N, C-alpha and C. Protein backbone atom coordinates (compact mmCIF):
# COMPACT_ATOMS: atom_id res chain seq x y z
N UNK A 1 92.46 96.32 114.59
CA UNK A 1 91.43 97.42 115.00
C UNK A 1 90.03 97.18 115.64
N UNK A 2 89.49 97.03 116.37
CA UNK A 2 88.16 97.38 117.23
C UNK A 2 87.75 97.85 117.27
N UNK A 3 86.46 97.78 115.84
CA UNK A 3 85.21 99.06 114.88
C UNK A 3 85.26 98.38 113.93
N UNK A 4 84.40 98.90 113.10
CA UNK A 4 84.34 99.13 111.69
C UNK A 4 85.07 98.59 110.32
N UNK A 5 85.00 97.67 109.41
CA UNK A 5 85.32 97.68 108.59
C UNK A 5 85.03 99.01 106.99
N UNK A 6 84.69 99.41 108.05
CA UNK A 6 84.99 101.09 107.00
C UNK A 6 85.02 102.59 107.70
N UNK A 7 85.78 101.98 109.08
CA UNK A 7 86.12 103.45 109.71
C UNK A 7 87.24 103.84 109.36
N UNK A 8 86.96 104.90 108.48
CA UNK A 8 88.16 105.53 107.76
C UNK A 8 89.18 105.74 108.85
N UNK A 9 88.93 106.61 110.01
CA UNK A 9 89.39 107.22 110.59
C UNK A 9 90.70 106.23 111.30
N UNK A 10 89.92 105.39 112.12
CA UNK A 10 90.29 104.63 112.84
C UNK A 10 91.26 103.48 111.31
N UNK A 11 91.10 103.08 110.30
CA UNK A 11 91.98 102.25 109.58
C UNK A 11 93.03 103.58 109.59
N UNK A 12 93.18 104.54 109.12
CA UNK A 12 94.71 105.33 108.62
C UNK A 12 94.75 105.30 109.51
N UNK A 13 94.90 105.76 110.81
CA UNK A 13 95.50 105.56 111.91
C UNK A 13 96.31 104.34 111.95
N UNK A 14 95.95 103.56 111.94
CA UNK A 14 96.53 101.98 112.01
C UNK A 14 97.42 101.96 110.63
N UNK A 15 96.88 102.33 109.79
CA UNK A 15 97.98 102.48 108.71
C UNK A 15 98.70 103.00 108.53
N UNK A 16 99.22 103.84 108.97
CA UNK A 16 100.00 105.08 109.09
C UNK A 16 100.74 104.69 110.04
N UNK A 17 101.16 103.46 110.54
CA UNK A 17 102.18 102.99 111.79
C UNK A 17 103.34 102.31 110.97
N UNK A 18 103.22 102.10 109.71
CA UNK A 18 103.90 100.98 108.43
C UNK A 18 103.68 100.34 108.33
N UNK A 19 104.26 99.46 107.92
CA UNK A 19 104.01 98.87 107.05
C UNK A 19 103.42 97.48 107.86
N UNK A 20 102.31 97.03 108.41
CA UNK A 20 101.33 96.72 109.49
C UNK A 20 99.95 96.19 108.28
N UNK A 21 99.61 95.01 108.72
CA UNK A 21 98.85 94.02 108.34
C UNK A 21 97.69 94.82 109.23
N UNK A 22 96.67 94.71 108.57
CA UNK A 22 95.48 95.71 109.33
C UNK A 22 94.07 95.35 109.41
N UNK A 23 93.09 94.58 109.57
CA UNK A 23 91.78 94.05 109.91
C UNK A 23 90.90 94.63 111.52
N UNK A 24 89.57 94.11 111.24
CA UNK A 24 89.24 94.91 112.65
C UNK A 24 88.39 93.74 113.10
N UNK A 25 87.36 93.64 114.00
CA UNK A 25 87.39 93.16 115.07
C UNK A 25 86.09 93.54 115.87
N UNK A 26 85.27 92.81 116.57
CA UNK A 26 84.30 93.32 117.31
C UNK A 26 83.22 94.22 116.88
N UNK A 27 82.88 94.03 115.56
CA UNK A 27 82.12 94.85 114.75
C UNK A 27 81.11 93.01 114.37
N UNK A 28 79.67 93.27 114.79
CA UNK A 28 79.97 92.19 114.39
C UNK A 28 80.35 90.78 114.63
N UNK A 29 80.96 90.16 115.76
CA UNK A 29 81.59 88.95 115.34
C UNK A 29 80.86 88.26 114.93
N UNK A 30 79.47 88.21 115.11
CA UNK A 30 78.90 86.13 114.72
C UNK A 30 77.97 87.04 113.46
N UNK A 31 77.75 87.71 113.64
CA UNK A 31 76.64 89.08 112.32
C UNK A 31 75.56 88.32 112.63
N UNK A 32 74.31 88.65 111.84
CA UNK A 32 73.04 88.22 112.03
C UNK A 32 73.26 86.79 111.00
N UNK A 33 71.70 86.41 110.88
CA UNK A 33 71.73 85.15 110.02
C UNK A 33 71.60 85.68 108.66
N UNK A 34 72.50 86.52 108.44
CA UNK A 34 72.42 87.21 107.11
C UNK A 34 73.76 87.08 106.30
N UNK A 35 73.99 86.42 105.35
CA UNK A 35 75.29 85.85 104.34
C UNK A 35 75.74 86.65 103.55
N UNK A 36 74.49 87.58 103.47
CA UNK A 36 74.53 88.70 102.91
C UNK A 36 76.08 89.83 103.64
N UNK A 37 75.19 90.08 105.05
CA UNK A 37 76.00 91.09 105.44
C UNK A 37 77.23 90.55 105.89
N UNK A 38 77.03 89.71 105.72
CA UNK A 38 78.83 88.98 106.59
C UNK A 38 79.36 88.91 105.32
N UNK A 39 79.02 88.57 104.32
CA UNK A 39 79.76 88.47 103.01
C UNK A 39 80.42 89.91 102.57
N UNK A 40 79.44 91.21 102.79
CA UNK A 40 80.28 92.97 102.19
C UNK A 40 80.99 93.24 103.53
N UNK A 41 80.68 92.36 105.16
CA UNK A 41 82.00 93.06 105.67
C UNK A 41 82.86 92.53 105.48
N UNK A 42 83.28 91.23 105.92
CA UNK A 42 83.67 90.46 106.12
C UNK A 42 85.01 90.47 104.17
N UNK A 43 84.10 90.93 103.09
CA UNK A 43 84.87 90.75 101.81
C UNK A 43 85.27 92.01 101.45
N UNK A 44 84.50 92.73 100.29
CA UNK A 44 84.95 93.88 99.46
C UNK A 44 84.62 95.55 100.23
N UNK A 45 83.99 95.49 101.50
CA UNK A 45 83.66 96.49 102.64
C UNK A 45 85.32 97.05 103.13
N UNK A 46 85.70 95.80 104.02
CA UNK A 46 87.14 96.19 104.36
C UNK A 46 88.14 96.40 103.14
N UNK A 47 88.19 95.54 102.18
CA UNK A 47 89.13 95.83 101.63
C UNK A 47 89.45 96.55 100.28
N UNK A 48 88.06 97.21 100.32
CA UNK A 48 88.15 98.58 99.92
C UNK A 48 88.24 99.62 100.12
N UNK A 49 88.58 99.30 101.69
CA UNK A 49 88.74 100.93 102.79
C UNK A 49 90.11 100.78 103.37
N UNK A 50 90.73 99.71 102.46
CA UNK A 50 92.43 99.87 102.89
C UNK A 50 92.60 98.76 104.11
N UNK A 51 92.00 97.69 104.27
CA UNK A 51 92.22 96.48 104.97
C UNK A 51 92.61 95.68 104.57
N UNK A 52 93.89 94.66 105.38
CA UNK A 52 94.68 93.57 103.89
C UNK A 52 94.38 92.37 104.81
N UNK A 53 93.53 92.60 106.00
CA UNK A 53 93.40 91.20 106.96
C UNK A 53 92.07 90.94 107.14
N UNK A 54 91.32 90.07 107.28
CA UNK A 54 90.51 89.82 108.13
C UNK A 54 90.92 88.95 109.71
N UNK A 55 90.22 89.61 110.39
CA UNK A 55 90.65 88.62 112.06
C UNK A 55 89.40 88.57 112.75
N UNK A 56 88.59 88.03 113.16
CA UNK A 56 87.11 87.86 113.29
C UNK A 56 87.61 86.70 114.35
N UNK A 57 86.04 86.18 114.98
CA UNK A 57 85.86 84.74 115.61
C UNK A 57 85.28 83.98 113.86
N UNK A 58 85.67 83.23 113.71
CA UNK A 58 84.73 82.63 112.98
C UNK A 58 84.88 81.02 113.15
N UNK A 59 85.56 80.57 113.65
CA UNK A 59 84.97 79.92 114.70
C UNK A 59 85.09 78.97 116.18
N UNK A 60 84.30 78.52 116.53
CA UNK A 60 84.52 78.99 119.05
C UNK A 60 84.12 77.05 119.22
N UNK A 61 84.44 76.63 120.00
CA UNK A 61 83.63 75.39 121.08
C UNK A 61 82.86 76.52 122.00
N UNK A 62 81.58 75.61 121.54
CA UNK A 62 80.48 76.63 122.49
C UNK A 62 79.62 75.45 122.54
N UNK A 63 78.48 76.59 122.98
CA UNK A 63 77.21 76.14 123.04
C UNK A 63 76.55 76.26 121.80
N UNK A 64 75.75 75.51 120.73
CA UNK A 64 74.72 75.61 119.75
C UNK A 64 73.66 76.65 119.82
N UNK A 65 73.39 76.83 121.05
CA UNK A 65 71.78 77.59 121.68
C UNK A 65 72.51 78.96 121.57
N UNK A 66 71.82 79.39 121.03
CA UNK A 66 72.46 80.79 120.65
C UNK A 66 71.62 82.11 121.97
N UNK A 67 70.90 81.18 122.91
CA UNK A 67 70.29 81.80 124.15
C UNK A 67 70.89 81.39 125.50
N UNK A 68 72.20 80.79 124.82
CA UNK A 68 72.44 80.07 126.08
C UNK A 68 72.80 80.93 127.14
N UNK A 69 73.23 82.27 127.13
CA UNK A 69 73.57 82.96 127.91
C UNK A 69 73.12 84.31 127.88
N UNK A 70 73.14 85.11 129.16
CA UNK A 70 72.18 85.43 128.86
C UNK A 70 72.74 87.35 128.48
N UNK A 71 74.16 87.60 128.27
CA UNK A 71 74.33 88.80 127.86
C UNK A 71 74.55 89.00 126.51
N UNK A 72 75.53 88.60 126.62
CA UNK A 72 75.85 87.99 124.23
C UNK A 72 75.04 86.41 123.65
N UNK A 73 75.01 87.26 122.86
CA UNK A 73 74.67 85.61 121.45
C UNK A 73 76.48 84.98 121.13
N UNK A 74 76.36 83.94 121.66
CA UNK A 74 77.47 83.20 121.40
C UNK A 74 78.36 83.47 120.70
N UNK A 75 80.15 83.67 120.21
CA UNK A 75 80.26 84.39 119.33
C UNK A 75 80.86 83.32 118.23
N UNK A 76 79.95 82.45 117.16
CA UNK A 76 80.35 81.48 116.83
C UNK A 76 79.45 81.24 115.01
N UNK A 77 80.20 81.32 114.50
CA UNK A 77 79.83 81.20 112.88
C UNK A 77 80.34 79.82 112.09
N UNK A 78 80.56 78.98 113.37
CA UNK A 78 80.66 77.36 112.23
C UNK A 78 81.03 76.42 113.76
N UNK A 79 80.89 75.53 113.44
CA UNK A 79 80.24 74.51 114.84
C UNK A 79 81.11 73.43 114.70
N UNK A 80 82.39 72.79 115.70
CA UNK A 80 82.78 72.04 115.15
C UNK A 80 82.06 70.73 116.05
N UNK A 81 82.02 70.12 114.73
CA UNK A 81 81.83 68.51 115.75
C UNK A 81 82.21 67.32 115.22
N UNK A 82 82.16 65.91 115.38
CA UNK A 82 83.39 65.07 115.35
C UNK A 82 83.30 65.05 113.85
N UNK A 83 82.97 65.49 112.95
CA UNK A 83 83.31 64.56 111.78
C UNK A 83 83.70 66.00 110.78
N UNK A 84 84.03 66.78 111.71
CA UNK A 84 84.38 68.52 111.22
C UNK A 84 83.85 69.55 111.32
N UNK A 85 83.26 70.66 110.69
CA UNK A 85 82.32 71.25 110.85
C UNK A 85 81.07 71.63 110.38
N UNK A 86 80.38 71.71 111.18
CA UNK A 86 79.14 72.23 110.65
C UNK A 86 78.94 73.42 110.17
N UNK A 87 78.68 74.04 109.14
CA UNK A 87 78.46 75.20 108.43
C UNK A 87 76.89 76.43 108.84
N UNK A 88 76.94 77.39 108.91
CA UNK A 88 76.00 78.46 109.10
C UNK A 88 75.34 79.31 108.44
N UNK A 89 74.61 80.27 107.61
CA UNK A 89 74.75 81.03 106.72
C UNK A 89 75.51 82.22 106.99
N UNK A 90 75.84 82.45 108.91
CA UNK A 90 76.73 83.55 108.47
C UNK A 90 78.63 82.88 108.03
N UNK A 91 78.54 82.45 108.12
CA UNK A 91 79.81 81.21 107.53
C UNK A 91 80.24 80.71 105.76
N UNK A 92 78.94 81.00 105.47
CA UNK A 92 78.78 80.80 104.07
C UNK A 92 79.53 82.40 103.80
N UNK A 93 78.54 83.02 104.74
CA UNK A 93 78.78 84.36 103.82
C UNK A 93 80.28 84.84 103.90
N UNK A 94 80.43 84.42 105.11
CA UNK A 94 81.94 84.86 105.30
C UNK A 94 83.23 84.43 104.28
N UNK A 95 82.65 82.89 104.11
CA UNK A 95 83.46 82.26 102.61
C UNK A 95 83.40 83.27 101.40
N UNK A 96 82.23 83.63 100.97
CA UNK A 96 81.56 83.95 99.83
C UNK A 96 82.29 85.45 99.76
N UNK A 97 82.48 86.12 100.64
CA UNK A 97 83.38 87.45 101.51
C UNK A 97 85.17 87.86 101.11
N UNK A 98 85.20 85.88 101.45
CA UNK A 98 87.22 86.21 101.14
C UNK A 98 87.41 85.66 99.52
N UNK A 99 86.61 85.21 99.36
CA UNK A 99 85.81 84.46 97.46
C UNK A 99 86.26 85.84 96.87
N UNK A 100 85.83 87.10 97.01
CA UNK A 100 85.33 88.28 96.94
C UNK A 100 86.67 89.63 96.82
N UNK A 101 87.24 88.57 97.75
CA UNK A 101 88.88 89.09 98.08
C UNK A 101 89.25 88.53 96.58
N UNK A 102 89.71 87.22 97.41
CA UNK A 102 90.44 86.27 96.20
C UNK A 102 90.60 87.06 94.19
N UNK A 103 89.58 87.22 94.23
CA UNK A 103 88.78 87.90 93.12
C UNK A 103 89.82 89.20 92.12
N UNK A 104 89.52 90.12 93.83
CA UNK A 104 89.83 91.77 93.13
C UNK A 104 91.26 91.36 93.35
N UNK A 105 91.74 90.49 94.49
CA UNK A 105 93.54 90.37 94.29
C UNK A 105 93.90 90.30 92.88
N UNK A 106 93.48 89.17 92.85
CA UNK A 106 93.41 88.20 90.82
C UNK A 106 93.50 89.58 90.41
N UNK A 107 92.64 90.89 89.87
CA UNK A 107 92.20 91.42 89.06
C UNK A 107 92.99 92.50 89.51
N UNK A 108 93.29 92.92 90.35
CA UNK A 108 95.19 94.22 91.00
C UNK A 108 96.07 93.67 89.83
N UNK A 109 96.07 91.97 90.35
CA UNK A 109 97.21 91.44 90.09
C UNK A 109 97.35 91.71 88.23
N UNK A 110 96.32 91.30 87.55
CA UNK A 110 96.67 91.43 86.00
C UNK A 110 96.20 92.79 85.48
N UNK A 111 95.52 93.63 86.56
CA UNK A 111 95.99 94.92 85.73
C UNK A 111 97.69 95.84 85.78
N UNK A 112 98.14 95.14 86.96
CA UNK A 112 99.71 95.84 86.87
C UNK A 112 100.30 95.34 86.65
N UNK A 113 100.17 94.16 85.78
CA UNK A 113 100.70 93.19 84.32
C UNK A 113 99.94 94.15 83.47
N UNK A 114 99.08 94.56 83.12
CA UNK A 114 98.66 95.35 81.64
C UNK A 114 99.50 96.51 82.01
N UNK A 115 99.12 97.70 83.09
CA UNK A 115 99.94 98.84 83.06
C UNK A 115 101.32 98.74 82.74
N UNK A 116 102.19 97.44 82.88
CA UNK A 116 103.61 97.65 82.81
C UNK A 116 103.58 97.30 81.36
N UNK A 117 102.90 96.87 80.76
CA UNK A 117 103.46 96.34 79.40
C UNK A 117 104.15 96.76 78.50
N UNK A 118 103.68 98.05 78.50
CA UNK A 118 103.30 99.23 77.70
C UNK A 118 102.95 98.98 75.40
N UNK A 119 102.12 98.05 76.35
CA UNK A 119 101.14 97.56 74.76
C UNK A 119 100.20 98.48 75.04
N UNK A 120 100.13 99.63 74.09
CA UNK A 120 98.40 100.74 74.54
C UNK A 120 97.23 99.92 74.52
N UNK A 121 96.82 99.02 74.28
CA UNK A 121 95.63 98.40 73.72
C UNK A 121 95.36 97.70 75.25
N UNK A 122 96.34 96.85 75.81
CA UNK A 122 96.29 96.39 77.07
C UNK A 122 96.27 97.45 78.37
N UNK A 123 97.36 98.58 78.10
CA UNK A 123 96.65 99.58 79.17
C UNK A 123 95.87 99.93 79.13
N UNK A 124 94.96 100.30 77.77
CA UNK A 124 93.73 101.25 78.53
C UNK A 124 92.47 99.87 78.94
N UNK A 125 92.60 98.80 78.36
CA UNK A 125 91.91 97.48 79.06
C UNK A 125 92.44 97.52 80.66
N UNK A 126 93.80 98.02 81.10
CA UNK A 126 94.10 97.64 82.42
C UNK A 126 93.36 99.02 83.18
N UNK A 127 93.80 100.22 82.20
CA UNK A 127 93.02 100.99 82.89
C UNK A 127 91.44 101.40 83.51
N UNK A 128 91.25 100.34 82.24
CA UNK A 128 88.95 99.99 82.73
C UNK A 128 88.99 99.55 83.23
N UNK A 129 90.04 98.49 83.85
CA UNK A 129 89.40 97.65 84.61
C UNK A 129 90.23 98.86 86.08
N UNK A 130 90.56 99.44 86.39
CA UNK A 130 91.82 99.96 87.51
C UNK A 130 90.52 101.10 87.84
N UNK A 131 89.64 101.65 86.51
CA UNK A 131 88.37 102.89 87.00
C UNK A 131 87.17 102.31 87.10
N UNK A 132 86.90 100.38 86.99
CA UNK A 132 85.55 99.72 87.50
C UNK A 132 85.97 99.55 89.29
N UNK A 133 87.37 99.21 89.78
CA UNK A 133 87.21 99.12 90.83
C UNK A 133 87.03 100.82 91.52
N UNK A 134 87.72 101.54 91.32
CA UNK A 134 87.65 102.92 91.50
C UNK A 134 86.27 103.92 91.95
N UNK A 135 85.28 103.46 91.29
CA UNK A 135 84.13 103.88 90.67
C UNK A 135 82.99 102.88 91.46
N UNK A 136 83.56 101.52 92.01
CA UNK A 136 82.42 101.05 93.05
C UNK A 136 82.36 101.53 94.61
N UNK A 137 80.74 101.62 94.70
CA UNK A 137 80.83 102.42 96.25
C UNK A 137 80.51 100.85 97.67
N UNK A 138 81.49 100.71 98.32
CA UNK A 138 81.83 98.99 98.29
C UNK A 138 80.64 99.02 99.74
N UNK A 139 79.86 100.43 99.67
CA UNK A 139 78.86 100.04 100.58
C UNK A 139 77.24 99.60 100.13
N UNK A 140 77.57 100.28 98.25
CA UNK A 140 75.98 99.59 97.85
C UNK A 140 75.60 98.79 96.81
N UNK A 141 77.22 98.16 96.84
CA UNK A 141 77.71 97.52 95.20
C UNK A 141 76.61 96.48 95.18
N UNK A 142 76.12 95.22 94.40
CA UNK A 142 75.91 94.48 94.04
C UNK A 142 76.97 93.24 94.07
N UNK A 143 76.80 93.07 95.29
CA UNK A 143 78.02 91.92 95.36
C UNK A 143 78.42 90.44 94.03
N UNK A 144 77.19 90.33 93.77
CA UNK A 144 77.34 89.60 92.80
C UNK A 144 77.56 90.10 91.34
N UNK A 145 76.90 90.94 91.17
CA UNK A 145 77.60 91.75 89.62
C UNK A 145 78.80 92.34 90.11
N UNK A 146 79.48 92.63 90.86
CA UNK A 146 80.72 92.76 91.00
C UNK A 146 81.19 91.49 90.57
N UNK A 147 80.92 90.02 91.17
CA UNK A 147 82.41 89.47 90.91
C UNK A 147 82.30 88.94 89.77
N UNK A 148 80.67 89.29 88.85
CA UNK A 148 80.77 88.74 87.52
C UNK A 148 81.79 89.26 86.74
N UNK A 149 81.60 91.19 86.96
CA UNK A 149 82.34 92.04 86.56
C UNK A 149 83.40 91.73 86.50
N UNK A 150 84.48 91.14 87.83
CA UNK A 150 86.00 91.64 87.86
C UNK A 150 86.15 90.65 87.05
N UNK A 151 85.25 88.91 87.44
CA UNK A 151 86.07 88.06 86.00
C UNK A 151 86.34 88.60 84.97
N UNK A 152 85.23 88.87 84.31
CA UNK A 152 85.10 89.06 83.02
C UNK A 152 86.28 89.94 82.52
N UNK A 153 86.87 91.30 83.37
CA UNK A 153 87.64 91.76 83.23
C UNK A 153 89.08 91.10 83.54
N UNK A 154 89.00 90.31 84.39
CA UNK A 154 90.01 89.18 84.69
C UNK A 154 90.60 88.29 83.53
N UNK A 155 89.39 87.32 82.58
CA UNK A 155 89.44 86.58 81.71
C UNK A 155 90.25 87.59 80.46
N UNK A 156 89.63 88.37 81.09
CA UNK A 156 90.12 89.57 79.65
C UNK A 156 91.26 90.16 79.63
N UNK A 157 91.26 90.18 80.92
CA UNK A 157 93.15 91.10 81.05
C UNK A 157 93.90 89.56 80.59
N UNK A 158 93.90 88.11 80.64
CA UNK A 158 94.80 87.06 80.89
C UNK A 158 94.77 87.02 79.56
N UNK A 159 93.59 87.08 78.71
CA UNK A 159 93.66 87.04 77.35
C UNK A 159 94.07 87.87 77.22
N UNK A 160 94.28 88.83 76.41
CA UNK A 160 95.29 90.14 76.29
C UNK A 160 96.61 89.72 76.69
N UNK A 161 97.29 89.52 78.33
CA UNK A 161 98.27 89.15 78.04
C UNK A 161 99.03 88.51 77.33
N UNK A 162 98.27 86.99 77.75
CA UNK A 162 98.68 86.06 77.01
C UNK A 162 99.45 86.02 75.13
N UNK A 163 98.41 87.04 74.20
CA UNK A 163 98.21 87.69 73.47
C UNK A 163 99.69 88.58 73.36
N UNK A 164 100.01 89.17 73.98
CA UNK A 164 101.11 90.22 74.16
C UNK A 164 102.41 89.39 73.85
N UNK A 165 102.33 87.97 75.20
CA UNK A 165 103.83 87.30 75.13
C UNK A 165 103.88 86.21 74.23
N UNK A 166 102.55 86.31 73.14
CA UNK A 166 103.25 85.30 72.10
C UNK A 166 103.28 85.92 71.03
N UNK A 167 103.23 87.57 70.97
CA UNK A 167 103.93 88.81 70.22
C UNK A 167 105.14 89.20 70.44
N UNK A 168 105.24 88.77 71.68
CA UNK A 168 106.20 90.19 71.96
C UNK A 168 106.38 91.51 72.23
N UNK A 169 105.02 91.43 72.41
CA UNK A 169 105.13 92.56 72.75
C UNK A 169 104.36 93.01 74.53
């Protein structure tokens, strides 16, 4: 959809079409040279608002000069060269955002295991993790703190899950 990753009305319209992949584009194709902005926008902001894919211009073969076009800045966040790619601040933020999504997805998987386990302590810990995710404000959260907290929950749930399997519970 051509919109922001937190446009709830547009997201709901697309998600209502059935089991479809929904991502955003055209709202800061490349972003400013602000990796935190790119991380939030392409990471947990869209994820927590129901998007299930990222769709934007990560690479482009184009000018390295941001002032080469009169109307728009070139839509490039990583440049090709003969040895591979040249990173930019935007690209590093994008990569961090994708990593945030991976941690959140892993945490969701561990929560599902805990809730299905039948072990009251494990279920309780899974619910705490679920409550933590539900209480996050995607516009305001400190992404470094959120990632650290997600890792703590993931590790704790994995340990508890391993203990439950060992004890046959």
